[in-house]
Amino acid sequence: MKGYGQFCPIAKAAEIVAEKWSIIIIREILAGSRTFNALRKGIPLISPTLLSRRLVELEDAHIIKKLETGKRKPKYHYLPDSAAIDLGPILMQLGDWGNKWAVSDLRKEDYDPRLLMWDISRGIELSEFDDQNKYVVRFDFQGTPRSISRWWLVISREEVDVCLKDPGHEVNLYVKSHIKLMTEVWMGWVDLPKARRDGLIQFDGLNSDVKNFSKWFKLNVFARRDGLA
């Protein structure tokens, strides 16, 4: 990492976290992503080579810890070190600033269904689901490439699987909207009940499943910080 040649603590911190993708990797690890594949899901546009390099750099900077798991075939988990944990409140404040000052400049390519579905999956209120059966929701998005326009969430009391290919389970609820609209609902910028009333989000399923959608569909953490969920 090339330095700024300054003793200023802001400059020294920027040498670590201002490298492209580094702060996003830290965000993902603080949000609970532990494996290389999980990090790729939260950062779909980063190349595997660059992700590997950034992980090494963050480990060298003592921002994250790399733990080896498995005996026969080694696997690795990435955990936040103390420095990353200290960064948590700072990143949340940066997100609050971005929510106030930066999101008005979103471009078409910023509405990425891969990140959206991954973020939705880790915000679901699992206590709303039965601990015996799988609950399946299919999302169909307009305004995005066809290859990434249809997604399935397979939800149980224990976990959520995000699928780009049909998992083969019976679907309980179908949800259809434009990718831009669903992202804005998820972020709390558009009111979900109003979007439903205006027909901008369409549901197909039992009335009880449609009614329960808002119980388990918890908004993004920054919407919750604004008191919207």
Foldseek 3Di string as FASTA:
>chain_A
DDFPPDPDPVRVVCVQCVDPCLVVLLVQQVLPAWFLVLSCLQVVPDDSVVVVVSLVSCVVVQQWDWDWDDDPDTGITIHGGPNSVVCVVVVVVVVLVCVVPPPVPDDLVNLDVSNVVSQQFSQFPLVVAEQPAWAKEWEAAPSDDPQQGIWMWTGHSVGIDIDSDPPPDDHAKYKYAHSVVVLCCLQVNDPPVVCVVVVRIDMDHDPVVVVCPVVGRHHGPNNVVVVND
